[in-house]
Amino acid sequence: MENLQVYGNLARRTYYDDTLSIHEILNKVHCSDALSFLKRVSDNSADLVITSPPYFQQRDYGGGGIGNEATEDEYINNLVPVFNECSRVVKSTGAIVFNLGDKYLNGNLSLIPYKFALKVLNDKKVFLINQITWVKTNPTPRQEHRKLIQSTEPFFIFAKTKDYCFKLDEFLSHLNRKNKKITSNSSKIGKKYFDTINHSNLTAQEKANATRELEKVIKEVQLGKIESFRMKIRGIHKEAYGGMEGGRNNQIKRNGFTIIKITGNAMKKDLIESPVEITKGNRHTAVYPLYIIQELVKLLSNSGDIVLDPFCGSGTTCVAAKNLGRKYLGIEINPEYVSLSEERIQGSK
């Protein structure tokens, strides 16, 4: 059954009938509100969700709906059911990416994106992998003399299980640098570590294990598989701290040593620089960068996977998915933006 509702001077369809197989509705942008449509989509069927819901009281996206609530609590409470449906729809190997903007209320920066993230984490249905910070190289200038210009926005990456797809080598791959230096002289590589092992307080068996693993990693350097390495030995080197404390320290305590391989690729950080998309000639008032979305698609999915955007807007997520050989599913409440999305998708490579 369809419920046809008036939306401005146009009409949109809100669906209430039986569950749909996601394969029946792929590679199309559907005109509906996100929550009603998502409730029809079958469980564990999408590989990745990437979306940017309307920001709270920021822009007129064309009519009512999420973003026009009277209070931030109401806004967040309306977003959470949509997020929960995304969590239901995404596979155990999938991820859910939400991009939200913040807002000053009565002169106070409200931290709305973080309140939303904490709200969905409290339900313990997902966990937070990363907050990727979008650094805007061309932020909107403001005539404000008592506040700094806001130039960042968060992209929260959530997952349902520890089996989520995460292709680190594909993310920002243009920053990687090939290791072209192949060393054939083994007389100096790792020599200090052989000496350190011999003079350490490790047991005879631990020394034998450490020596064997050291020889293996030296071979990897000689073959050009890695650029270099570091070795930490119990009783000799300081313990690791911070984010690497658990794994490395446990290896040192259990084995007497740990080896840290350095691949030679650029360090992949939780921030990404990109200009704000120019909206001139684009009928949508807020467009997130195609560059960022393509990098997230590469990081969190495989070729042929299904990428879903429940707040499709101008169709950037769908364009990114199509460009990278993924299937896409868009949901958008505004019929004008549905048409815009389809135009952009058809015009993409």
Protein backbone atom coordinates (compact mmCIF):
# COMPACT_ATOMS: atom_id res chain seq x y z
CA MET A 1 0.00 0.00 0.00
CA GLU A 2 1.22 3.54 -0.73
CA ASN A 3 0.31 6.69 1.10
CA LEU A 4 0.60 9.68 -1.24
CA GLN A 5 1.30 12.91 0.66
CA VAL A 6 1.63 16.51 -0.44
CA TYR A 7 5.17 17.87 -0.29
CA GLY A 8 5.27 21.52 -1.30
CA ASN A 9 3.75 21.63 -4.76
CA LEU A 10 4.83 18.06 -5.44
CA ALA A 11 3.97 14.69 -4.01
CA ARG A 12 5.98 12.04 -2.27
CA ARG A 13 5.17 8.45 -1.49
CA THR A 14 5.48 6.98 1.97
CA TYR A 15 5.54 3.19 1.88
CA TYR A 16 3.88 0.98 4.44
CA ASP A 17 3.53 -2.38 2.70
CA ASP A 18 5.54 -5.57 2.91
CA THR A 19 9.29 -5.92 3.31
CA LEU A 20 11.35 -5.45 0.17
CA SER A 21 14.38 -7.42 -0.86
CA ILE A 22 17.12 -4.84 -1.30
CA HIS A 23 18.04 -6.37 -4.65
CA GLU A 24 14.64 -5.29 -6.03
CA ILE A 25 15.26 -1.61 -5.34
CA LEU A 26 18.97 -1.11 -6.13
CA ASN A 27 20.62 1.56 -8.28
CA LYS A 28 17.81 4.02 -7.81
CA VAL A 29 16.91 6.99 -5.61
CA HIS A 30 13.50 6.48 -4.01
CA CYS A 31 11.26 9.38 -3.02
CA SER A 32 10.19 8.77 0.56
CA ASP A 33 10.98 9.76 4.10
CA ALA A 34 13.93 7.76 5.39
CA LEU A 35 12.31 6.01 8.35
CA SER A 36 9.24 4.70 6.50
CA PHE A 37 11.27 3.35 3.60
CA LEU A 38 14.02 1.82 5.73
CA LYS A 39 11.43 -0.15 7.72
CA ARG A 40 10.60 -2.02 4.52
CA VAL A 41 14.18 -2.96 3.67
CA SER A 42 15.21 -6.49 4.62
CA ASP A 43 17.60 -7.18 7.52
CA ASN A 44 21.37 -7.46 7.03
CA SER A 45 21.21 -6.55 3.35
CA ALA A 46 23.38 -3.44 2.83
CA ASP A 47 27.18 -3.45 3.06
CA LEU A 48 27.66 0.20 3.93
CA VAL A 49 25.61 3.22 4.98
CA ILE A 50 27.01 6.69 4.36
CA THR A 51 24.80 9.68 4.96
CA SER A 52 24.55 13.26 6.12
CA PRO A 53 21.15 14.03 7.66
CA PRO A 54 19.78 17.58 7.49
CA TYR A 55 21.57 19.68 10.10
CA PHE A 56 19.55 21.07 12.98
CA GLN A 57 17.94 24.41 12.08
CA GLN A 58 20.68 25.18 9.60
CA ARG A 59 19.16 25.22 6.13
CA ASP A 60 15.85 24.97 4.34
CA TYR A 61 16.05 21.67 2.49
CA GLY A 62 12.58 22.14 1.05
CA GLY A 63 9.69 21.47 3.40
CA GLY A 64 9.34 19.86 6.80
CA GLY A 65 10.98 16.79 8.24
CA ILE A 66 14.16 16.16 10.20
CA GLY A 67 16.20 19.30 10.80
CA ASN A 68 13.24 21.59 11.46
CA GLU A 69 12.51 20.49 15.03
CA ALA A 70 11.96 23.06 17.77
CA THR A 71 14.67 21.66 20.07
CA GLU A 72 17.94 19.79 19.63
CA ASP A 73 16.63 16.95 21.82
CA GLU A 74 13.70 16.48 19.48
CA TYR A 75 16.08 16.55 16.51
CA ILE A 76 18.34 13.86 17.99
CA ASN A 77 15.36 11.75 19.07
CA ASN A 78 14.07 11.82 15.50
CA LEU A 79 17.45 10.82 14.09
CA VAL A 80 18.04 7.85 16.38
CA PRO A 81 15.21 5.65 14.98
CA VAL A 82 16.60 6.23 11.47
CA PHE A 83 20.05 5.24 12.68
CA ASN A 84 18.64 2.13 14.35
CA GLU A 85 17.00 1.09 11.08
CA CYS A 86 20.33 1.61 9.31
CA SER A 87 21.95 -0.64 11.90
CA ARG A 88 19.33 -3.31 11.31
CA VAL A 89 19.68 -3.12 7.54
CA VAL A 90 23.49 -3.18 7.40
CA LYS A 91 25.33 -6.51 7.43
CA SER A 92 27.51 -7.71 10.29
CA THR A 93 30.53 -6.98 8.07
CA GLY A 94 29.26 -3.48 7.27
CA ALA A 95 29.65 0.00 8.70
CA ILE A 96 27.44 3.05 9.24
CA VAL A 97 28.84 6.52 8.61
CA PHE A 98 26.95 9.61 9.80
CA ASN A 99 28.14 13.16 9.10
CA LEU A 100 26.55 15.89 11.22
CA GLY A 101 27.16 19.60 11.60
CA ASP A 102 27.07 21.60 14.82
CA LYS A 103 25.24 24.78 15.74
CA TYR A 104 25.49 27.70 18.16
CA LEU A 105 22.42 28.05 20.36
CA ASN A 106 22.23 31.19 22.48
CA GLY A 107 25.92 31.77 21.87
CA ASN A 108 26.86 28.26 22.99
CA LEU A 109 28.33 25.63 20.68
CA SER A 110 25.88 22.79 21.23
CA LEU A 111 28.02 19.76 20.29
CA ILE A 112 25.01 18.16 18.59
CA PRO A 113 27.06 15.61 16.57
CA TYR A 114 28.63 14.25 19.77
CA LYS A 115 25.33 14.16 21.66
CA PHE A 116 23.90 12.12 18.80
CA ALA A 117 26.89 9.75 18.80
CA LEU A 118 26.65 9.21 22.55
CA LYS A 119 22.92 8.57 22.25
CA VAL A 120 23.31 5.75 19.72
CA LEU A 121 26.28 4.28 21.60
CA ASN A 122 24.23 4.12 24.80
CA ASP A 123 21.98 1.55 23.13
CA LYS A 124 25.03 -0.74 22.80
CA LYS A 125 23.92 -1.98 19.37
CA VAL A 126 26.99 -0.49 17.69
CA PHE A 127 30.47 0.66 18.59
CA LEU A 128 32.45 3.63 17.29
CA ILE A 129 35.44 2.74 15.10
CA ASN A 130 36.63 6.25 14.30
CA GLN A 131 35.66 9.87 14.18
CA ILE A 132 37.13 11.19 10.95
CA THR A 133 37.46 14.96 11.05
CA TRP A 134 36.77 16.80 7.81
CA VAL A 135 39.06 19.84 7.69
CA LYS A 136 37.54 22.39 5.33
CA THR A 137 40.20 24.21 3.36
CA ASN A 138 37.71 26.91 2.36
CA PRO A 139 35.34 27.36 5.33
CA THR A 140 32.54 29.87 5.06
CA PRO A 141 33.80 33.27 6.27
CA ARG A 142 31.87 34.82 9.17
CA GLN A 143 31.68 38.37 10.45
CA GLU A 144 32.38 37.17 13.97
CA HIS A 145 34.87 38.89 16.26
CA ARG A 146 34.45 36.77 19.38
CA LYS A 147 34.54 33.26 17.91
CA LEU A 148 36.91 31.41 15.61
CA ILE A 149 35.60 30.26 12.24
CA GLN A 150 34.32 26.70 12.33
CA SER A 151 36.29 24.68 9.78
CA THR A 152 35.71 21.05 10.77
CA GLU A 153 32.92 18.47 10.81
CA PRO A 154 32.92 14.88 12.10
CA PHE A 155 32.20 11.72 10.15
CA PHE A 156 31.39 9.00 12.70
CA ILE A 157 32.12 5.41 11.62
CA PHE A 158 30.06 2.84 13.54
CA ALA A 159 30.01 -0.96 13.21
CA LYS A 160 27.87 -3.79 14.60
CA THR A 161 30.61 -6.40 14.96
CA LYS A 162 34.39 -6.63 14.88
CA ASP A 163 34.13 -8.25 11.43
CA TYR A 164 33.59 -4.95 9.61
CA CYS A 165 35.27 -4.41 6.24
CA PHE A 166 38.26 -2.07 6.60
CA LYS A 167 40.60 -1.71 3.62
CA LEU A 168 43.27 0.59 5.00
CA ASP A 169 45.53 0.33 1.95
CA GLU A 170 42.71 1.64 -0.26
CA PHE A 171 42.06 4.70 1.91
CA LEU A 172 43.95 7.81 0.74
CA SER A 173 46.09 5.49 -1.36
CA HIS A 174 47.57 8.45 -3.24
CA LEU A 175 49.52 9.24 -0.06
CA ASN A 176 51.28 5.89 -0.09
CA ARG A 177 54.86 5.79 -1.23
CA LYS A 178 56.44 2.68 -2.70
CA ASN A 179 59.49 1.28 -0.95
CA LYS A 180 62.07 1.26 -3.73
CA LYS A 181 65.14 0.74 -1.59
CA ILE A 182 66.16 -2.92 -1.46
CA THR A 183 69.11 -3.65 0.76
CA SER A 184 71.25 -6.68 -0.04
CA ASN A 185 73.91 -6.20 2.65
CA SER A 186 72.65 -8.04 5.73
CA SER A 187 75.74 -7.39 7.83
CA LYS A 188 74.34 -4.23 9.40
CA ILE A 189 70.55 -4.70 9.32
CA GLY A 190 69.34 -5.51 12.80
CA LYS A 191 72.85 -6.15 14.16
CA LYS A 192 72.20 -4.03 17.22
CA TYR A 193 69.12 -6.13 17.99
CA PHE A 194 71.08 -9.40 17.81
CA ASP A 195 73.54 -7.95 20.30
CA THR A 196 70.72 -6.67 22.52
CA ILE A 197 69.01 -10.07 22.54
CA ASN A 198 72.24 -11.79 23.55
CA HIS A 199 72.82 -9.37 26.44
CA SER A 200 69.20 -9.34 27.63
CA ASN A 201 67.65 -11.16 30.58
CA LEU A 202 65.42 -13.24 28.32
CA THR A 203 65.36 -17.00 28.83
CA ALA A 204 67.29 -19.19 26.40
CA GLN A 205 64.06 -20.16 24.64
CA GLU A 206 62.90 -16.53 24.42
CA LYS A 207 66.27 -15.53 22.96
CA ALA A 208 65.99 -18.27 20.36
CA ASN A 209 62.46 -17.18 19.42
CA ALA A 210 63.47 -13.51 19.26
CA THR A 211 66.47 -14.31 17.06
CA ARG A 212 64.36 -16.40 14.69
CA GLU A 213 61.71 -13.66 14.30
CA LEU A 214 64.41 -11.01 13.88
CA GLU A 215 65.94 -12.98 11.01
CA LYS A 216 62.50 -13.21 9.34
CA VAL A 217 61.82 -9.48 9.53
CA ILE A 218 65.33 -8.65 8.24
CA LYS A 219 64.54 -10.81 5.22
CA GLU A 220 61.34 -8.81 4.62
CA VAL A 221 63.38 -5.60 4.53
CA GLN A 222 65.90 -7.13 2.13
CA LEU A 223 63.10 -8.24 -0.23
CA GLY A 224 61.50 -4.80 -0.14
CA LYS A 225 58.29 -6.06 1.48
CA ILE A 226 58.64 -3.51 4.29
CA GLU A 227 60.71 -0.38 4.69
CA SER A 228 62.12 -1.01 8.17
CA PHE A 229 61.20 -2.22 11.65
CA ARG A 230 61.66 -1.62 15.35
CA MET A 231 62.16 -4.24 18.03
CA LYS A 232 61.36 -3.87 21.73
CA ILE A 233 62.82 -6.32 24.26
CA ARG A 234 61.65 -6.91 27.82
CA GLY A 235 63.87 -5.27 30.42
CA ILE A 236 65.70 -3.23 27.77
CA HIS A 237 63.20 -0.90 26.11
CA LYS A 238 60.41 1.22 27.56
CA GLU A 239 56.94 -0.23 27.40
CA ALA A 240 54.46 1.07 24.85
CA TYR A 241 51.81 3.54 25.92
CA GLY A 242 48.58 5.04 24.63
CA GLY A 243 46.57 3.30 21.92
CA MET A 244 49.21 0.58 21.31
CA GLU A 245 49.74 -0.19 25.00
CA GLY A 246 47.69 -3.39 25.20
CA GLY A 247 48.95 -5.39 22.22
CA ARG A 248 52.62 -4.52 22.29
CA ASN A 249 53.02 -4.73 26.03
CA ASN A 250 51.20 -8.07 26.12
CA GLN A 251 53.58 -9.44 23.48
CA ILE A 252 56.59 -8.23 25.46
CA LYS A 253 55.28 -9.81 28.67
CA ARG A 254 54.30 -13.06 26.96
CA ASN A 255 57.16 -13.52 24.49
CA GLY A 256 59.86 -11.25 25.82
CA PHE A 257 59.86 -9.07 22.69
CA THR A 258 57.73 -7.42 20.03
CA ILE A 259 58.52 -6.35 16.46
CA ILE A 260 56.92 -3.28 14.88
CA LYS A 261 56.96 -3.39 11.08
CA ILE A 262 57.13 -0.13 9.13
CA THR A 263 55.59 -0.55 5.69
CA GLY A 264 56.76 2.71 4.17
CA ASN A 265 53.21 3.84 3.40
CA ALA A 266 51.97 7.16 4.68
CA MET A 267 50.37 7.07 8.11
CA LYS A 268 46.57 7.03 7.71
CA LYS A 269 45.17 9.56 10.17
CA ASP A 270 41.61 10.21 11.30
CA LEU A 271 41.35 13.49 9.42
CA ILE A 272 40.87 14.41 5.79
CA GLU A 273 41.29 17.79 4.13
CA SER A 274 38.89 18.87 1.43
CA PRO A 275 37.25 22.08 0.27
CA VAL A 276 33.54 22.60 0.69
CA GLU A 277 31.76 21.68 -2.54
CA ILE A 278 30.75 24.69 -4.62
CA THR A 279 26.94 24.72 -4.83
CA LYS A 280 26.69 27.16 -7.74
CA GLY A 281 24.61 25.46 -10.40
CA ASN A 282 23.60 22.76 -7.90
CA ARG A 283 20.02 23.03 -6.64
CA HIS A 284 20.94 21.44 -3.31
CA THR A 285 22.10 23.90 -0.65
CA ALA A 286 24.51 21.56 1.17
CA VAL A 287 26.74 19.12 -0.71
CA TYR A 288 29.45 17.13 1.03
CA PRO A 289 32.62 16.48 -0.97
CA LEU A 290 32.62 13.61 -3.45
CA TYR A 291 36.32 13.13 -2.68
CA ILE A 292 35.65 12.32 0.98
CA ILE A 293 32.77 9.97 0.24
CA GLN A 294 34.77 8.07 -2.37
CA GLU A 295 37.60 7.59 0.13
CA LEU A 296 35.13 6.24 2.71
CA VAL A 297 33.57 3.89 0.15
CA LYS A 298 37.05 2.56 -0.70
CA LEU A 299 37.91 2.14 2.99
CA LEU A 300 34.70 0.41 4.09
CA SER A 301 33.47 -1.69 1.17
CA ASN A 302 34.43 -3.97 -1.71
CA SER A 303 33.65 -3.82 -5.40
CA GLY A 304 30.06 -4.89 -6.03
CA ASP A 305 28.91 -4.08 -2.47
CA ILE A 306 25.68 -2.22 -1.72
CA VAL A 307 25.98 1.36 -0.43
CA LEU A 308 22.90 2.98 1.13
CA ASP A 309 22.16 6.66 1.79
CA PRO A 310 18.86 7.34 3.60
CA PHE A 311 19.25 11.15 3.27
CA CYS A 312 20.40 11.16 -0.32
CA GLY A 313 20.20 14.92 -0.98
CA SER A 314 22.00 15.69 -4.22
CA GLY A 315 23.13 12.07 -4.64
CA THR A 316 26.83 12.33 -3.79
CA THR A 317 26.94 8.96 -2.00
CA CYS A 318 25.26 7.25 -4.95
CA VAL A 319 27.63 8.91 -7.42
CA ALA A 320 30.62 7.78 -5.36
CA ALA A 321 29.28 4.23 -5.20
CA LYS A 322 28.67 4.08 -8.94
CA ASN A 323 32.10 5.56 -9.74
CA LEU A 324 33.78 2.84 -7.67
CA GLY A 325 31.83 -0.15 -8.98
CA ARG A 326 29.41 -0.51 -6.09
CA LYS A 327 25.63 -0.81 -6.16
CA TYR A 328 23.68 2.02 -4.55
CA LEU A 329 20.35 2.74 -2.90
CA GLY A 330 19.24 6.29 -2.18
CA ILE A 331 16.28 7.59 -0.19
CA GLU A 332 15.29 11.25 -0.42
CA ILE A 333 12.16 13.01 0.84
CA ASN A 334 12.28 15.97 -1.58
CA PRO A 335 11.21 15.08 -5.15
CA GLU A 336 13.29 17.93 -6.57
CA TYR A 337 16.41 16.47 -5.00
CA VAL A 338 15.48 13.02 -6.26
CA SER A 339 15.54 14.44 -9.78
CA LEU A 340 18.83 16.22 -9.07
CA SER A 341 20.37 13.00 -7.74
CA GLU A 342 19.31 11.05 -10.79
CA GLU A 343 20.77 13.73 -13.08
CA ARG A 344 24.11 13.61 -11.27
CA ILE A 345 24.20 9.81 -11.22
CA GLN A 346 23.45 9.60 -14.93
CA GLY A 347 26.11 12.21 -15.64
CA SER A 348 28.79 10.43 -13.60
CA LYS A 349 31.35 8.17 -15.24
